[in-house]
N, C-alpha and C. Protein backbone atom coordinates (compact mmCIF):
# COMPACT_ATOMS: atom_id res chain seq x y z
N MET A 1 -1.51 -12.27 -8.31
CA MET A 1 -0.70 -11.38 -7.76
C MET A 1 -0.97 -10.16 -7.79
N LYS A 2 -1.24 -9.35 -6.60
CA LYS A 2 -1.87 -8.06 -6.84
C LYS A 2 -0.32 -6.95 -6.16
N GLU A 3 -0.02 -5.48 -6.80
CA GLU A 3 0.48 -4.94 -6.37
C GLU A 3 0.35 -3.48 -6.42
N LEU A 4 1.25 -2.72 -5.33
CA LEU A 4 0.65 -1.45 -4.76
C LEU A 4 2.22 -0.56 -5.14
N HIS A 5 1.97 0.70 -5.74
CA HIS A 5 3.06 1.33 -5.86
C HIS A 5 3.23 2.66 -5.03
N CYS A 6 4.14 2.60 -4.01
CA CYS A 6 3.96 3.42 -3.03
C CYS A 6 4.01 5.26 -3.41
N LYS A 7 4.66 5.18 -4.67
CA LYS A 7 4.73 6.68 -5.64
C LYS A 7 3.13 6.95 -5.77
N ASP A 8 2.30 5.71 -5.95
CA ASP A 8 0.75 6.34 -6.55
C ASP A 8 0.28 6.68 -5.33
N LEU A 9 0.48 6.99 -4.12
CA LEU A 9 0.19 7.24 -2.89
C LEU A 9 0.34 9.02 -2.97
N GLY A 10 1.58 9.33 -3.80
CA GLY A 10 1.75 10.68 -3.16
C GLY A 10 3.21 10.45 -2.59
N PHE A 11 4.05 9.54 -2.45
CA PHE A 11 5.03 9.19 -1.94
C PHE A 11 6.57 9.74 -2.73
N ASP A 12 7.38 9.89 -3.00
CA ASP A 12 8.51 10.47 -3.15
C ASP A 12 9.34 9.02 -3.08
N CYS A 13 8.75 7.84 -3.70
CA CYS A 13 9.53 6.61 -2.90
C CYS A 13 9.25 5.27 -4.22
N PRO A 14 10.03 4.49 -4.10
CA PRO A 14 10.33 3.60 -5.17
C PRO A 14 9.70 2.24 -4.83
N ALA A 15 9.50 2.05 -3.24
CA ALA A 15 9.06 0.90 -3.04
C ALA A 15 7.49 0.62 -3.99
N VAL A 16 7.61 -0.93 -4.05
CA VAL A 16 6.39 -1.91 -4.76
C VAL A 16 6.10 -2.56 -3.56
N VAL A 17 4.67 -2.50 -3.44
CA VAL A 17 4.37 -4.01 -2.81
C VAL A 17 3.76 -5.38 -3.18
N LYS A 18 3.73 -5.91 -3.46
CA LYS A 18 3.12 -7.28 -4.11
C LYS A 18 3.19 -8.48 -2.99
N ALA A 19 1.95 -8.97 -3.72
CA ALA A 19 1.36 -10.05 -2.53
C ALA A 19 0.16 -10.79 -3.14
N GLU A 20 -0.31 -11.67 -2.72
CA GLU A 20 -1.39 -12.56 -3.41
C GLU A 20 -2.61 -12.04 -3.31
N SER A 21 -2.99 -11.31 -2.44
CA SER A 21 -4.36 -10.91 -2.22
C SER A 21 -4.23 -9.35 -1.69
N GLU A 22 -5.18 -8.47 -2.31
CA GLU A 22 -5.77 -7.15 -1.92
C GLU A 22 -5.20 -7.25 -0.27
N SER A 23 -6.00 -8.05 0.16
CA SER A 23 -6.24 -7.65 1.96
C SER A 23 -4.45 -7.92 2.76
N ASP A 24 -3.06 -8.79 1.52
CA ASP A 24 -2.06 -9.02 2.12
C ASP A 24 -1.29 -7.45 1.46
N VAL A 25 -1.53 -7.23 0.39
CA VAL A 25 -0.84 -5.99 -0.15
C VAL A 25 -1.24 -4.63 1.12
N LEU A 26 -2.39 -4.54 1.50
CA LEU A 26 -2.61 -3.47 2.33
C LEU A 26 -2.23 -3.41 3.83
N GLN A 27 -1.85 -4.85 4.38
CA GLN A 27 -1.18 -4.98 5.48
C GLN A 27 0.04 -4.78 5.13
N ILE A 28 0.96 -5.13 4.12
CA ILE A 28 2.76 -4.92 4.20
C ILE A 28 2.39 -3.64 3.76
N ALA A 29 1.47 -2.76 3.19
CA ALA A 29 1.59 -1.47 2.58
C ALA A 29 1.48 -0.49 4.30
N ALA A 30 0.48 -1.22 5.01
CA ALA A 30 0.59 -0.38 6.13
C ALA A 30 1.93 -0.07 6.81
N GLN A 31 2.48 -1.54 6.66
CA GLN A 31 3.75 -1.74 7.83
C GLN A 31 4.53 -0.75 7.17
N HIS A 32 4.78 -0.68 5.89
CA HIS A 32 5.71 -0.10 5.53
C HIS A 32 5.41 1.12 5.50
N ALA A 33 4.28 1.81 4.94
CA ALA A 33 3.94 3.42 5.90
C ALA A 33 4.38 3.71 7.26
N GLN A 34 4.18 2.87 8.04
CA GLN A 34 4.49 3.13 9.43
C GLN A 34 5.75 3.19 9.82
N GLU A 35 6.40 2.28 9.09
CA GLU A 35 7.96 2.01 9.49
C GLU A 35 8.84 3.20 8.54
N VAL A 36 8.63 3.47 7.21
CA VAL A 36 9.33 4.50 6.47
C VAL A 36 9.02 5.45 6.32
N HIS A 37 7.95 6.14 6.34
CA HIS A 37 6.86 7.19 6.46
C HIS A 37 6.54 7.66 7.34
N GLN A 38 6.49 6.90 8.89
CA GLN A 38 5.79 7.46 9.85
C GLN A 38 4.34 7.53 9.87
N VAL A 39 3.69 7.20 8.87
CA VAL A 39 2.27 7.48 8.45
C VAL A 39 1.11 6.32 8.98
N THR A 40 0.31 6.28 9.73
CA THR A 40 -0.58 5.12 10.11
C THR A 40 -1.70 5.16 9.40
N VAL A 41 -1.71 3.90 8.66
CA VAL A 41 -3.25 3.50 8.02
C VAL A 41 -4.23 3.34 8.53
N THR A 42 -5.22 4.23 8.65
CA THR A 42 -6.64 3.98 9.59
C THR A 42 -7.57 2.81 8.09
N PRO A 43 -8.42 2.77 8.71
CA PRO A 43 -9.44 1.93 7.85
C PRO A 43 -10.04 2.80 6.70
N GLU A 44 -10.32 3.33 6.92
CA GLU A 44 -10.48 4.95 6.11
C GLU A 44 -9.44 5.03 4.74
N MET A 45 -8.42 5.03 5.29
CA MET A 45 -7.31 4.95 4.35
C MET A 45 -7.10 4.25 3.35
N ALA A 46 -7.31 2.98 4.45
CA ALA A 46 -7.20 1.76 3.37
C ALA A 46 -8.26 1.42 2.20
N GLU A 47 -9.23 1.70 2.54
CA GLU A 47 -10.37 2.32 1.41
C GLU A 47 -10.42 2.93 0.10
N GLN A 48 -9.59 3.89 0.92
CA GLN A 48 -8.95 4.87 -0.30
C GLN A 48 -7.68 4.33 -1.25
N ILE A 49 -7.03 3.72 -0.33
CA ILE A 49 -5.94 2.96 -1.08
C ILE A 49 -6.31 1.95 -1.93
N LYS A 50 -7.66 1.07 -1.42
CA LYS A 50 -7.65 -0.35 -2.35
C LYS A 50 -7.86 0.30 -4.14
N PRO A 51 -8.62 0.96 -4.06
CA PRO A 51 -8.51 1.13 -6.21
C PRO A 51 -7.24 1.78 -6.84
N LEU A 52 -6.00 1.75 -6.01
CA LEU A 52 -4.73 1.61 -6.27
C LEU A 52 -3.91 0.63 -6.65
N ILE A 53 -4.59 -0.51 -6.16
CA ILE A 53 -4.13 -1.65 -5.99
C ILE A 53 -4.16 -2.41 -7.81
N HIS A 54 -3.28 -3.00 -8.35
CA HIS A 54 -3.62 -3.64 -9.28
C HIS A 54 -2.90 -4.74 -9.83
N ASP A 55 -3.93 -5.53 -10.60
CA ASP A 55 -2.70 -7.28 -10.73
C ASP A 55 -2.28 -7.22 -11.59
N VAL A 56 -1.22 -7.97 -11.23
CA VAL A 56 0.24 -8.34 -11.86
C VAL A 56 0.09 -9.02 -13.03
């Protein structure tokens, strides 16, 4: 299981995305970023986010 904390990306947000794979975490996080923070995650941003994804 992998997880990503939204606050690790600089947002004042308690959301934690958990999924089985890194790609699933990125997909869910991108959807969250768009819906909640009005931020579109580009492929370049996704590459910068990957190191912040941790094993649970």
